[in-house]
Amino acid sequence: MLALTYRNSHGELVDVPAVAATQLKNGLATVLEQVMRGGAVAITRHETPKAVLMAYEEFVALTKDRAPVLNDLAAEYDVLLARMQTPAARKAMAAAFNATPAEMGRAAVKAARKKR
């Protein structure tokens, strides 16, 4: 069977013990204790992982604050938009759109050399 690992809410890479579905069915209390001690167990069927059972606290810790709040995204957008509205940014964009192919080539080579 494939060894399963995941990065827990503390950022640690941990192994996930496997439990057969029949073992879960016959000994739910024991498996729940194992989950509460270790954070998660993989539920297998015919030695193939089918699901993961994890402690609720671990689930909450892993899922909270994962997706940026809409207000945070709007604030980030406003900052980026403001930076693009400066006279220097407008001048640079006008120069880029009006550049000849030769000028674009020189700019690309110059940028590539800076990255080295």
C-alpha atoms as a PDB file:
ATOM      1  CA  MET A   1       0.000   0.000   0.000  1.00  0.00           C
ATOM      2  CA  LEU A   2       1.081   3.556  -0.691  1.00  0.00           C
ATOM      3  CA  ALA A   3       2.514   5.398   2.336  1.00  0.00           C
ATOM      4  CA  LEU A   4       0.521   8.560   2.986  1.00  0.00           C
ATOM      5  CA  THR A   5       1.908  11.772   4.440  1.00  0.00           C
ATOM      6  CA  TYR A   6       0.533  15.266   4.783  1.00  0.00           C
ATOM      7  CA  ARG A   7       1.654  18.620   6.134  1.00  0.00           C
ATOM      8  CA  ASN A   8      -0.259  19.210   9.361  1.00  0.00           C
ATOM      9  CA  SER A   9      -1.442  22.527  10.740  1.00  0.00           C
ATOM     10  CA  HIS A  10       1.964  23.060  12.392  1.00  0.00           C
ATOM     11  CA  GLY A  11       3.733  22.665   9.034  1.00  0.00           C
ATOM     12  CA  GLU A  12       5.195  19.279   9.973  1.00  0.00           C
ATOM     13  CA  LEU A  13       5.234  16.435   7.468  1.00  0.00           C
ATOM     14  CA  VAL A  14       3.534  13.512   9.222  1.00  0.00           C
ATOM     15  CA  ASP A  15       2.740   9.938   8.268  1.00  0.00           C
ATOM     16  CA  VAL A  16      -0.918   8.976   8.162  1.00  0.00           C
ATOM     17  CA  PRO A  17      -1.617   5.505   9.555  1.00  0.00           C
ATOM     18  CA  ALA A  18      -3.995   3.343   7.535  1.00  0.00           C
ATOM     19  CA  VAL A  19      -7.106   1.645   8.891  1.00  0.00           C
ATOM     20  CA  ALA A  20      -9.192  -0.845   6.930  1.00  0.00           C
ATOM     21  CA  ALA A  21     -12.831   0.128   6.454  1.00  0.00           C
ATOM     22  CA  THR A  22     -13.945  -3.048   8.244  1.00  0.00           C
ATOM     23  CA  GLN A  23     -11.693  -2.172  11.203  1.00  0.00           C
ATOM     24  CA  LEU A  24     -13.326   1.268  11.296  1.00  0.00           C
ATOM     25  CA  LYS A  25     -16.783  -0.284  11.202  1.00  0.00           C
ATOM     26  CA  ASN A  26     -16.012  -2.765  13.972  1.00  0.00           C
ATOM     27  CA  GLY A  27     -13.979  -0.480  16.209  1.00  0.00           C
ATOM     28  CA  LEU A  28     -15.038   3.119  15.641  1.00  0.00           C
ATOM     29  CA  ALA A  29     -14.181   4.220  19.186  1.00  0.00           C
ATOM     30  CA  THR A  30     -10.634   2.860  18.891  1.00  0.00           C
ATOM     31  CA  VAL A  31     -10.087   4.539  15.520  1.00  0.00           C
ATOM     32  CA  LEU A  32     -11.483   7.841  16.839  1.00  0.00           C
ATOM     33  CA  GLU A  33      -8.985   7.684  19.713  1.00  0.00           C
ATOM     34  CA  GLN A  34      -6.216   7.103  17.188  1.00  0.00           C
ATOM     35  CA  VAL A  35      -7.408  10.131  15.200  1.00  0.00           C
ATOM     36  CA  MET A  36      -7.508  12.315  18.294  1.00  0.00           C
ATOM     37  CA  ARG A  37      -3.923  11.317  19.192  1.00  0.00           C
ATOM     38  CA  GLY A  38      -2.411  11.446  15.696  1.00  0.00           C
ATOM     39  CA  GLY A  39      -4.493  13.972  13.795  1.00  0.00           C
ATOM     40  CA  ALA A  40      -5.596  11.738  10.919  1.00  0.00           C
ATOM     41  CA  VAL A  41      -5.989   8.179   9.647  1.00  0.00           C
ATOM     42  CA  ALA A  42      -6.466   6.923   6.112  1.00  0.00           C
ATOM     43  CA  ILE A  43      -9.456   4.647   5.590  1.00  0.00           C
ATOM     44  CA  THR A  44      -8.640   1.887   3.104  1.00  0.00           C
ATOM     45  CA  ARG A  45     -10.695  -0.531   1.113  1.00  0.00           C
ATOM     46  CA  HIS A  46      -8.882  -3.482  -0.427  1.00  0.00           C
ATOM     47  CA  GLU A  47      -5.621  -1.851   0.721  1.00  0.00           C
ATOM     48  CA  THR A  48      -6.326   1.279  -1.332  1.00  0.00           C
ATOM     49  CA  PRO A  49      -6.835   4.619   0.467  1.00  0.00           C
ATOM     50  CA  LYS A  50     -10.394   5.844  -0.055  1.00  0.00           C
ATOM     51  CA  ALA A  51     -10.844   8.572   2.587  1.00  0.00           C
ATOM     52  CA  VAL A  52      -9.117  10.352   5.434  1.00  0.00           C
ATOM     53  CA  LEU A  53     -10.587  10.825   8.883  1.00  0.00           C
ATOM     54  CA  MET A  54      -9.073  13.715  10.813  1.00  0.00           C
ATOM     55  CA  ALA A  55      -9.661  15.503  14.078  1.00  0.00           C
ATOM     56  CA  TYR A  56     -12.011  18.452  13.768  1.00  0.00           C
ATOM     57  CA  GLU A  57      -9.470  20.841  15.314  1.00  0.00           C
ATOM     58  CA  GLU A  58      -6.895  19.781  12.710  1.00  0.00           C
ATOM     59  CA  PHE A  59      -9.440  20.280   9.923  1.00  0.00           C
ATOM     60  CA  VAL A  60     -10.289  23.784  11.174  1.00  0.00           C
ATOM     61  CA  ALA A  61      -6.603  24.695  11.518  1.00  0.00           C
ATOM     62  CA  LEU A  62      -5.861  23.481   7.981  1.00  0.00           C
ATOM     63  CA  THR A  63      -8.806  25.243   6.355  1.00  0.00           C
ATOM     64  CA  LYS A  64      -9.044  28.564   8.172  1.00  0.00           C
ATOM     65  CA  ASP A  65      -7.540  31.591   6.485  1.00  0.00           C
ATOM     66  CA  ARG A  66      -6.629  29.560   3.393  1.00  0.00           C
ATOM     67  CA  ALA A  67      -8.690  31.625   0.994  1.00  0.00           C
ATOM     68  CA  PRO A  68      -8.169  35.371   1.014  1.00  0.00           C
ATOM     69  CA  VAL A  69     -11.153  37.364   2.160  1.00  0.00           C
ATOM     70  CA  LEU A  70     -12.799  39.368  -0.602  1.00  0.00           C
ATOM     71  CA  ASN A  71     -11.984  42.642   1.170  1.00  0.00           C
ATOM     72  CA  ASP A  72      -8.287  41.683   1.283  1.00  0.00           C
ATOM     73  CA  LEU A  73      -8.316  40.932  -2.447  1.00  0.00           C
ATOM     74  CA  ALA A  74     -10.083  44.221  -3.178  1.00  0.00           C
ATOM     75  CA  ALA A  75      -7.481  46.135  -1.164  1.00  0.00           C
ATOM     76  CA  GLU A  76      -4.651  44.359  -2.992  1.00  0.00           C
ATOM     77  CA  TYR A  77      -6.287  45.188  -6.333  1.00  0.00           C
ATOM     78  CA  ASP A  78      -6.654  48.849  -5.350  1.00  0.00           C
ATOM     79  CA  VAL A  79      -2.939  49.062  -4.516  1.00  0.00           C
ATOM     80  CA  LEU A  80      -1.942  47.461  -7.826  1.00  0.00           C
ATOM     81  CA  LEU A  81      -4.303  49.705  -9.762  1.00  0.00           C
ATOM     82  CA  ALA A  82      -2.955  52.816  -8.053  1.00  0.00           C
ATOM     83  CA  ARG A  83       0.618  51.793  -8.957  1.00  0.00           C
ATOM     84  CA  MET A  84      -0.404  51.397 -12.600  1.00  0.00           C
ATOM     85  CA  GLN A  85      -1.947  54.892 -12.701  1.00  0.00           C
ATOM     86  CA  THR A  86       1.263  56.841 -12.041  1.00  0.00           C
ATOM     87  CA  PRO A  87       2.713  59.025 -14.824  1.00  0.00           C
ATOM     88  CA  ALA A  88       5.813  56.810 -14.971  1.00  0.00           C
ATOM     89  CA  ALA A  89       3.703  53.678 -15.430  1.00  0.00           C
ATOM     90  CA  ARG A  90       1.605  55.321 -18.136  1.00  0.00           C
ATOM     91  CA  LYS A  91       4.745  56.450 -19.961  1.00  0.00           C
ATOM     92  CA  ALA A  92       6.255  52.955 -19.746  1.00  0.00           C
ATOM     93  CA  MET A  93       3.072  51.337 -21.084  1.00  0.00           C
ATOM     94  CA  ALA A  94       2.871  53.822 -23.956  1.00  0.00           C
ATOM     95  CA  ALA A  95       6.507  53.093 -24.822  1.00  0.00           C
ATOM     96  CA  ALA A  96       5.859  49.331 -24.735  1.00  0.00           C
ATOM     97  CA  PHE A  97       2.813  49.546 -26.990  1.00  0.00           C
ATOM     98  CA  ASN A  98       4.548  51.863 -29.437  1.00  0.00           C
ATOM     99  CA  ALA A  99       7.856  49.935 -29.534  1.00  0.00           C
ATOM    100  CA  THR A 100       9.135  48.551 -32.807  1.00  0.00           C
ATOM    101  CA  PRO A 101      10.010  44.862 -33.062  1.00  0.00           C
ATOM    102  CA  ALA A 102      13.711  45.742 -32.882  1.00  0.00           C
ATOM    103  CA  GLU A 103      13.184  47.772 -29.705  1.00  0.00           C
ATOM    104  CA  MET A 104      11.197  44.903 -28.159  1.00  0.00           C
ATOM    105  CA  GLY A 105      14.036  42.511 -29.024  1.00  0.00           C
ATOM    106  CA  ARG A 106      16.640  44.763 -27.405  1.00  0.00           C
ATOM    107  CA  ALA A 107      14.492  45.132 -24.290  1.00  0.00           C
ATOM    108  CA  ALA A 108      14.071  41.346 -24.059  1.00  0.00           C
ATOM    109  CA  VAL A 109      17.803  40.752 -24.354  1.00  0.00           C
ATOM    110  CA  LYS A 110      18.484  43.446 -21.742  1.00  0.00           C
ATOM    111  CA  ALA A 111      15.975  41.905 -19.330  1.00  0.00           C
ATOM    112  CA  ALA A 112      17.416  38.420 -19.860  1.00  0.00           C
ATOM    113  CA  ARG A 113      20.926  39.672 -19.099  1.00  0.00           C
ATOM    114  CA  LYS A 114      19.714  41.293 -15.847  1.00  0.00           C
ATOM    115  CA  LYS A 115      18.367  37.929 -14.639  1.00  0.00           C
ATOM    116  CA  ARG A 116      21.756  36.239 -14.895  1.00  0.00           C
END
